[in-house]
Amino acid sequence: TAKERADQEWKSKGYDLDVRKQGETERDNRARVAASYANAAAVRETANATRDAAKTTARAGDEAKLRQEFADLPEVKKFKQAAPAYQAVVKAAETNNPQADINLIYGLAKLYDPESVVREGEYATIANSQAIPEWLKGQAQRLVGGGRLTEATKRQIKEQAKIRFDTFEGDVNAARKSYEGIASRREMNPENVFPKIGGGITVAQPAPNPAPKPAGGKPSVSNW
């Protein structure tokens, strides 16, 4: 009948409405779940970033402490003084004049007593140092009297300078090896812990003896 058909049509529309509502509800639920997952992921990322930043800051502080501890080692302090002194000897050996003789004496004296205040022209400091051998003091006195270093003496100075420098270098390398193990175990960047030592000086090997040149005048010293 017409009434039955109308009832059936009404029920069908109602069913369709319920289906649509159910679908909308499911979509809303899925959207809420997705939003919840995204929010949780963002929270985790923020937490991880905060943790990583704190870890980086802590590591930087640890690196600074270890770097300072390494720099304060006696071996490192001596090497910082020895490196430029040795470089001065190498450079002076390439020149044949009175001033170069002075630089050779001064450089080797510094290598024998790197933590002293040996300065060019201060013979008294060399003479009073217990660490500097008598033969070197004698050569310094020779320059005071206007003499010059012989080629044999220059070779001896270069050889002794190399020996002294190698000793300091060996000591500081041994210390660094020990501290590199500490840095590695703590996952530190070695470049942040071990900067260049000695002002970044690249130490060269002693140059061959230069050919003798005519020399005149006396060393320009004030206190010798």
C-alpha atoms as a PDB file:
ATOM      1  CA  THR A   1       0.000   0.000   0.000  1.00  0.00           C
ATOM      2  CA  ALA A   2       0.951   3.638  -0.235  1.00  0.00           C
ATOM      3  CA  LYS A   3       1.380   3.842   3.512  1.00  0.00           C
ATOM      4  CA  GLU A   4       3.681   0.852   3.599  1.00  0.00           C
ATOM      5  CA  ARG A   5       5.771   2.279   0.779  1.00  0.00           C
ATOM      6  CA  ALA A   6       6.037   5.595   2.612  1.00  0.00           C
ATOM      7  CA  ASP A   7       7.089   3.835   5.829  1.00  0.00           C
ATOM      8  CA  GLN A   8       9.698   1.821   3.959  1.00  0.00           C
ATOM      9  CA  GLU A   9      11.081   4.924   2.289  1.00  0.00           C
ATOM     10  CA  TRP A  10      11.266   6.728   5.629  1.00  0.00           C
ATOM     11  CA  LYS A  11      13.100   3.835   7.228  1.00  0.00           C
ATOM     12  CA  SER A  12      15.540   3.761   4.306  1.00  0.00           C
ATOM     13  CA  LYS A  13      16.276   7.458   4.694  1.00  0.00           C
ATOM     14  CA  GLY A  14      16.733   7.008   8.424  1.00  0.00           C
ATOM     15  CA  TYR A  15      19.148   4.147   7.825  1.00  0.00           C
ATOM     16  CA  ASP A  16      21.147   6.227   5.371  1.00  0.00           C
ATOM     17  CA  LEU A  17      21.301   9.042   7.928  1.00  0.00           C
ATOM     18  CA  ASP A  18      22.573   6.659  10.593  1.00  0.00           C
ATOM     19  CA  VAL A  19      25.229   5.335   8.229  1.00  0.00           C
ATOM     20  CA  ARG A  20      26.389   8.848   7.410  1.00  0.00           C
ATOM     21  CA  LYS A  21      26.539   9.765  11.069  1.00  0.00           C
ATOM     22  CA  GLN A  22      28.496   6.607  11.845  1.00  0.00           C
ATOM     23  CA  GLY A  23      30.932   7.395   9.037  1.00  0.00           C
ATOM     24  CA  GLU A  24      31.410  10.935  10.275  1.00  0.00           C
ATOM     25  CA  THR A  25      31.997   9.656  13.788  1.00  0.00           C
ATOM     26  CA  GLU A  26      34.622   7.180  12.570  1.00  0.00           C
ATOM     27  CA  ARG A  27      36.366   9.887  10.570  1.00  0.00           C
ATOM     28  CA  ASP A  28      36.355  12.174  13.588  1.00  0.00           C
ATOM     29  CA  ASN A  29      37.796   9.384  15.720  1.00  0.00           C
ATOM     30  CA  ARG A  30      40.527   8.670  13.193  1.00  0.00           C
ATOM     31  CA  ALA A  31      41.369  12.376  13.015  1.00  0.00           C
ATOM     32  CA  ARG A  32      41.584  12.614  16.787  1.00  0.00           C
ATOM     33  CA  VAL A  33      43.821   9.529  16.933  1.00  0.00           C
ATOM     34  CA  ALA A  34      46.075  10.953  14.206  1.00  0.00           C
ATOM     35  CA  ALA A  35      46.258  14.294  16.011  1.00  0.00           C
ATOM     36  CA  SER A  36      47.096  12.485  19.234  1.00  0.00           C
ATOM     37  CA  TYR A  37      49.921  10.559  17.541  1.00  0.00           C
ATOM     38  CA  ALA A  38      51.254  13.755  15.953  1.00  0.00           C
ATOM     39  CA  ASN A  39      51.162  15.548  19.288  1.00  0.00           C
ATOM     40  CA  ALA A  40      52.951  12.649  20.978  1.00  0.00           C
ATOM     41  CA  ALA A  41      55.612  12.673  18.244  1.00  0.00           C
ATOM     42  CA  ALA A  42      56.093  16.419  18.644  1.00  0.00           C
ATOM     43  CA  VAL A  43      56.438  15.980  22.400  1.00  0.00           C
ATOM     44  CA  ARG A  44      59.041  13.257  21.860  1.00  0.00           C
ATOM     45  CA  GLU A  45      60.960  15.402  19.366  1.00  0.00           C
ATOM     46  CA  THR A  46      60.969  18.332  21.772  1.00  0.00           C
ATOM     47  CA  ALA A  47      62.116  16.097  24.610  1.00  0.00           C
ATOM     48  CA  ASN A  48      64.853  14.599  22.433  1.00  0.00           C
ATOM     49  CA  ALA A  49      66.009  18.038  21.275  1.00  0.00           C
ATOM     50  CA  THR A  50      66.097  19.276  24.869  1.00  0.00           C
ATOM     51  CA  ARG A  51      68.021  16.197  25.965  1.00  0.00           C
ATOM     52  CA  ASP A  52      70.472  16.501  23.054  1.00  0.00           C
ATOM     53  CA  ALA A  53      71.000  20.198  23.740  1.00  0.00           C
ATOM     54  CA  ALA A  54      71.677  19.485  27.404  1.00  0.00           C
ATOM     55  CA  LYS A  55      74.044  16.670  26.433  1.00  0.00           C
ATOM     56  CA  THR A  56      75.887  18.938  23.975  1.00  0.00           C
ATOM     57  CA  THR A  57      76.195  21.688  26.577  1.00  0.00           C
ATOM     58  CA  ALA A  58      77.460  19.222  29.162  1.00  0.00           C
ATOM     59  CA  ARG A  59      79.964  17.746  26.694  1.00  0.00           C
ATOM     60  CA  ALA A  60      81.233  21.213  25.776  1.00  0.00           C
ATOM     61  CA  GLY A  61      81.784  21.941  29.449  1.00  0.00           C
ATOM     62  CA  ASP A  62      83.574  18.636  29.932  1.00  0.00           C
ATOM     63  CA  GLU A  63      85.737  19.314  26.863  1.00  0.00           C
ATOM     64  CA  ALA A  64      86.690  22.736  28.209  1.00  0.00           C
ATOM     65  CA  LYS A  65      87.673  21.223  31.567  1.00  0.00           C
ATOM     66  CA  LEU A  66      89.748  18.476  29.970  1.00  0.00           C
ATOM     67  CA  ARG A  67      91.371  20.973  27.584  1.00  0.00           C
ATOM     68  CA  GLN A  68      92.390  23.178  30.506  1.00  0.00           C
ATOM     69  CA  GLU A  69      93.629  20.185  32.480  1.00  0.00           C
ATOM     70  CA  PHE A  70      95.757  19.098  29.512  1.00  0.00           C
ATOM     71  CA  ALA A  71      97.082  22.636  28.957  1.00  0.00           C
ATOM     72  CA  ASP A  72      98.142  22.840  32.610  1.00  0.00           C
ATOM     73  CA  LEU A  73     100.328  19.743  32.390  1.00  0.00           C
ATOM     74  CA  PRO A  74     104.062  20.506  32.922  1.00  0.00           C
ATOM     75  CA  GLU A  75     104.876  18.659  29.682  1.00  0.00           C
ATOM     76  CA  VAL A  76     102.554  20.902  27.692  1.00  0.00           C
ATOM     77  CA  LYS A  77     103.757  24.121  29.307  1.00  0.00           C
ATOM     78  CA  LYS A  78     107.377  23.229  28.609  1.00  0.00           C
ATOM     79  CA  PHE A  79     106.631  22.306  25.017  1.00  0.00           C
ATOM     80  CA  LYS A  80     104.869  25.620  24.433  1.00  0.00           C
ATOM     81  CA  GLN A  81     108.084  27.359  25.461  1.00  0.00           C
ATOM     82  CA  ALA A  82     110.379  24.934  23.647  1.00  0.00           C
ATOM     83  CA  ALA A  83     108.683  25.052  20.237  1.00  0.00           C
ATOM     84  CA  PRO A  84     109.439  28.719  19.405  1.00  0.00           C
ATOM     85  CA  ALA A  85     112.929  28.401  20.921  1.00  0.00           C
ATOM     86  CA  TYR A  86     113.732  25.485  18.638  1.00  0.00           C
ATOM     87  CA  GLN A  87     112.300  27.305  15.656  1.00  0.00           C
ATOM     88  CA  ALA A  88     114.584  30.237  16.500  1.00  0.00           C
ATOM     89  CA  VAL A  89     117.601  27.926  16.497  1.00  0.00           C
ATOM     90  CA  VAL A  90     116.630  26.486  13.121  1.00  0.00           C
ATOM     91  CA  LYS A  91     116.206  29.954  11.657  1.00  0.00           C
ATOM     92  CA  ALA A  92     119.448  31.275  13.161  1.00  0.00           C
ATOM     93  CA  ALA A  93     121.357  28.329  11.748  1.00  0.00           C
ATOM     94  CA  GLU A  94     120.482  29.523   8.249  1.00  0.00           C
ATOM     95  CA  THR A  95     122.304  32.819   8.797  1.00  0.00           C
ATOM     96  CA  ASN A  96     125.979  33.491   9.404  1.00  0.00           C
ATOM     97  CA  ASN A  97     126.380  36.732  11.338  1.00  0.00           C
ATOM     98  CA  PRO A  98     126.986  37.819  14.949  1.00  0.00           C
ATOM     99  CA  GLN A  99     123.277  38.252  15.697  1.00  0.00           C
ATOM    100  CA  ALA A 100     122.572  34.722  14.485  1.00  0.00           C
ATOM    101  CA  ASP A 101     125.248  33.443  16.893  1.00  0.00           C
ATOM    102  CA  ILE A 102     123.439  35.168  19.740  1.00  0.00           C
ATOM    103  CA  ASN A 103     120.129  33.643  18.669  1.00  0.00           C
ATOM    104  CA  LEU A 104     121.656  30.174  18.591  1.00  0.00           C
ATOM    105  CA  ILE A 105     122.946  30.536  22.149  1.00  0.00           C
ATOM    106  CA  TYR A 106     119.697  32.057  23.382  1.00  0.00           C
ATOM    107  CA  GLY A 107     117.540  29.417  21.655  1.00  0.00           C
ATOM    108  CA  LEU A 108     119.450  26.462  23.060  1.00  0.00           C
ATOM    109  CA  ALA A 109     119.555  28.045  26.521  1.00  0.00           C
ATOM    110  CA  LYS A 110     115.771  28.283  26.394  1.00  0.00           C
ATOM    111  CA  LEU A 111     115.544  24.628  25.400  1.00  0.00           C
ATOM    112  CA  TYR A 112     117.646  23.640  28.409  1.00  0.00           C
ATOM    113  CA  ASP A 113     115.548  25.807  30.720  1.00  0.00           C
ATOM    114  CA  PRO A 114     112.206  26.445  28.928  1.00  0.00           C
ATOM    115  CA  GLU A 115     110.359  27.817  31.936  1.00  0.00           C
ATOM    116  CA  SER A 116     113.051  30.363  32.767  1.00  0.00           C
ATOM    117  CA  VAL A 117     112.991  34.030  31.753  1.00  0.00           C
ATOM    118  CA  VAL A 118     116.060  33.753  29.549  1.00  0.00           C
ATOM    119  CA  ARG A 119     116.028  36.782  27.259  1.00  0.00           C
ATOM    120  CA  GLU A 120     118.325  37.761  24.475  1.00  0.00           C
ATOM    121  CA  GLY A 121     121.250  39.794  25.748  1.00  0.00           C
ATOM    122  CA  GLU A 122     120.910  38.759  29.398  1.00  0.00           C
ATOM    123  CA  TYR A 123     124.076  36.782  30.009  1.00  0.00           C
ATOM    124  CA  ALA A 124     123.575  36.845  33.792  1.00  0.00           C
ATOM    125  CA  THR A 125     120.404  34.772  33.462  1.00  0.00           C
ATOM    126  CA  ILE A 126     122.241  32.120  31.475  1.00  0.00           C
ATOM    127  CA  ALA A 127     125.249  32.177  33.786  1.00  0.00           C
ATOM    128  CA  ASN A 128     123.075  31.703  36.881  1.00  0.00           C
ATOM    129  CA  SER A 129     120.887  28.904  35.503  1.00  0.00           C
ATOM    130  CA  GLN A 130     121.648  25.481  36.925  1.00  0.00           C
ATOM    131  CA  ALA A 131     119.927  23.795  33.980  1.00  0.00           C
ATOM    132  CA  ILE A 132     122.248  25.220  31.308  1.00  0.00           C
ATOM    133  CA  PRO A 133     125.537  23.296  30.776  1.00  0.00           C
ATOM    134  CA  GLU A 134     128.860  24.991  31.356  1.00  0.00           C
ATOM    135  CA  TRP A 135     130.024  24.593  27.777  1.00  0.00           C
ATOM    136  CA  LEU A 136     127.064  26.680  26.554  1.00  0.00           C
ATOM    137  CA  LYS A 137     127.742  29.310  29.217  1.00  0.00           C
ATOM    138  CA  GLY A 138     131.323  29.401  27.972  1.00  0.00           C
ATOM    139  CA  GLN A 139     130.169  30.021  24.412  1.00  0.00           C
ATOM    140  CA  ALA A 140     127.904  32.820  25.626  1.00  0.00           C
ATOM    141  CA  GLN A 141     130.880  34.369  27.400  1.00  0.00           C
ATOM    142  CA  ARG A 142     132.861  34.034  24.181  1.00  0.00           C
ATOM    143  CA  LEU A 143     130.302  36.187  22.382  1.00  0.00           C
ATOM    144  CA  VAL A 144     130.477  38.766  25.164  1.00  0.00           C
ATOM    145  CA  GLY A 145     134.145  39.195  24.358  1.00  0.00           C
ATOM    146  CA  GLY A 146     133.373  39.788  20.686  1.00  0.00           C
ATOM    147  CA  GLY A 147     134.108  36.264  19.514  1.00  0.00           C
ATOM    148  CA  ARG A 148     132.131  34.157  17.070  1.00  0.00           C
ATOM    149  CA  LEU A 149     130.821  30.639  17.131  1.00  0.00           C
ATOM    150  CA  THR A 150     132.802  28.120  15.146  1.00  0.00           C
ATOM    151  CA  GLU A 151     131.076  25.896  12.617  1.00  0.00           C
ATOM    152  CA  ALA A 152     131.678  22.920  14.883  1.00  0.00           C
ATOM    153  CA  THR A 153     129.988  24.729  17.776  1.00  0.00           C
ATOM    154  CA  LYS A 154     127.034  25.668  15.596  1.00  0.00           C
ATOM    155  CA  ARG A 155     126.604  22.035  14.587  1.00  0.00           C
ATOM    156  CA  GLN A 156     126.758  21.014  18.223  1.00  0.00           C
ATOM    157  CA  ILE A 157     124.122  23.593  19.148  1.00  0.00           C
ATOM    158  CA  LYS A 158     121.793  22.402  16.384  1.00  0.00           C
ATOM    159  CA  GLU A 159     122.245  18.783  17.364  1.00  0.00           C
ATOM    160  CA  GLN A 160     121.597  19.491  21.041  1.00  0.00           C
ATOM    161  CA  ALA A 161     118.589  21.656  20.172  1.00  0.00           C
ATOM    162  CA  LYS A 162     117.075  18.822  18.148  1.00  0.00           C
ATOM    163  CA  ILE A 163     117.680  16.336  20.946  1.00  0.00           C
ATOM    164  CA  ARG A 164     116.129  18.667  23.519  1.00  0.00           C
ATOM    165  CA  PHE A 165     113.134  19.443  21.349  1.00  0.00           C
ATOM    166  CA  ASP A 166     112.516  15.780  20.533  1.00  0.00           C
ATOM    167  CA  THR A 167     112.436  15.072  24.265  1.00  0.00           C
ATOM    168  CA  PHE A 168     109.805  17.735  24.890  1.00  0.00           C
ATOM    169  CA  GLU A 169     107.812  16.595  21.877  1.00  0.00           C
ATOM    170  CA  GLY A 170     107.922  12.980  23.027  1.00  0.00           C
ATOM    171  CA  ASP A 171     106.717  13.945  26.495  1.00  0.00           C
ATOM    172  CA  VAL A 172     103.794  15.999  25.209  1.00  0.00           C
ATOM    173  CA  ASN A 173     102.792  13.321  22.685  1.00  0.00           C
ATOM    174  CA  ALA A 174     102.766  10.694  25.432  1.00  0.00           C
ATOM    175  CA  ALA A 175     100.563  12.944  27.563  1.00  0.00           C
ATOM    176  CA  ARG A 176      98.250  13.601  24.639  1.00  0.00           C
ATOM    177  CA  LYS A 177      97.903   9.880  23.905  1.00  0.00           C
ATOM    178  CA  SER A 178      96.797   9.304  27.482  1.00  0.00           C
ATOM    179  CA  TYR A 179      94.273  12.142  27.338  1.00  0.00           C
ATOM    180  CA  GLU A 180      93.013  11.066  23.922  1.00  0.00           C
ATOM    181  CA  GLY A 181      91.888   7.832  25.545  1.00  0.00           C
ATOM    182  CA  ILE A 182      89.924   9.801  28.131  1.00  0.00           C
ATOM    183  CA  ALA A 183      88.366  12.004  25.435  1.00  0.00           C
ATOM    184  CA  SER A 184      87.411   8.978  23.340  1.00  0.00           C
ATOM    185  CA  ARG A 185      85.724   7.197  26.225  1.00  0.00           C
ATOM    186  CA  ARG A 186      83.736  10.342  26.944  1.00  0.00           C
ATOM    187  CA  GLU A 187      82.781  10.755  23.252  1.00  0.00           C
ATOM    188  CA  MET A 188      84.521  14.125  22.990  1.00  0.00           C
ATOM    189  CA  ASN A 189      85.754  15.841  19.848  1.00  0.00           C
ATOM    190  CA  PRO A 190      89.598  15.681  19.949  1.00  0.00           C
ATOM    191  CA  GLU A 191      89.843  18.992  18.061  1.00  0.00           C
ATOM    192  CA  ASN A 192      88.032  20.696  20.928  1.00  0.00           C
ATOM    193  CA  VAL A 193      90.343  19.199  23.539  1.00  0.00           C
ATOM    194  CA  PHE A 194      93.744  19.369  21.832  1.00  0.00           C
ATOM    195  CA  PRO A 195      94.330  22.709  20.106  1.00  0.00           C
ATOM    196  CA  LYS A 196      97.595  23.486  18.369  1.00  0.00           C
ATOM    197  CA  ILE A 197     100.457  23.689  20.830  1.00  0.00           C
ATOM    198  CA  GLY A 198     103.172  26.276  20.747  1.00  0.00           C
ATOM    199  CA  GLY A 199     101.195  28.916  18.891  1.00  0.00           C
ATOM    200  CA  GLY A 200     100.569  26.605  15.950  1.00  0.00           C
ATOM    201  CA  ILE A 201     104.261  26.588  15.044  1.00  0.00           C
ATOM    202  CA  THR A 202     105.266  24.073  12.429  1.00  0.00           C
ATOM    203  CA  VAL A 203     108.640  22.843  13.548  1.00  0.00           C
ATOM    204  CA  ALA A 204     111.139  22.364  10.750  1.00  0.00           C
ATOM    205  CA  GLN A 205     114.208  20.192  10.684  1.00  0.00           C
ATOM    206  CA  PRO A 206     117.560  21.951  11.155  1.00  0.00           C
ATOM    207  CA  ALA A 207     118.850  23.318   7.893  1.00  0.00           C
ATOM    208  CA  PRO A 208     122.268  22.269   6.583  1.00  0.00           C
ATOM    209  CA  ASN A 209     125.182  24.396   7.699  1.00  0.00           C
ATOM    210  CA  PRO A 210     125.395  27.498   5.505  1.00  0.00           C
ATOM    211  CA  ALA A 211     128.612  28.255   3.726  1.00  0.00           C
ATOM    212  CA  PRO A 212     130.856  30.490   5.859  1.00  0.00           C
ATOM    213  CA  LYS A 213     130.515  34.176   5.096  1.00  0.00           C
ATOM    214  CA  PRO A 214     132.785  37.037   5.994  1.00  0.00           C
ATOM    215  CA  ALA A 215     131.706  38.442   9.326  1.00  0.00           C
ATOM    216  CA  GLY A 216     132.460  41.753  10.867  1.00  0.00           C
ATOM    217  CA  GLY A 217     131.557  43.619  14.012  1.00  0.00           C
ATOM    218  CA  LYS A 218     130.442  42.342  17.366  1.00  0.00           C
ATOM    219  CA  PRO A 219     127.107  40.970  18.521  1.00  0.00           C
ATOM    220  CA  SER A 220     124.635  43.695  19.293  1.00  0.00           C
ATOM    221  CA  VAL A 221     124.015  42.919  22.940  1.00  0.00           C
ATOM    222  CA  SER A 222     123.297  45.300  25.739  1.00  0.00           C
ATOM    223  CA  ASN A 223     123.855  43.337  28.914  1.00  0.00           C
ATOM    224  CA  TRP A 224     126.417  40.747  27.839  1.00  0.00           C
END
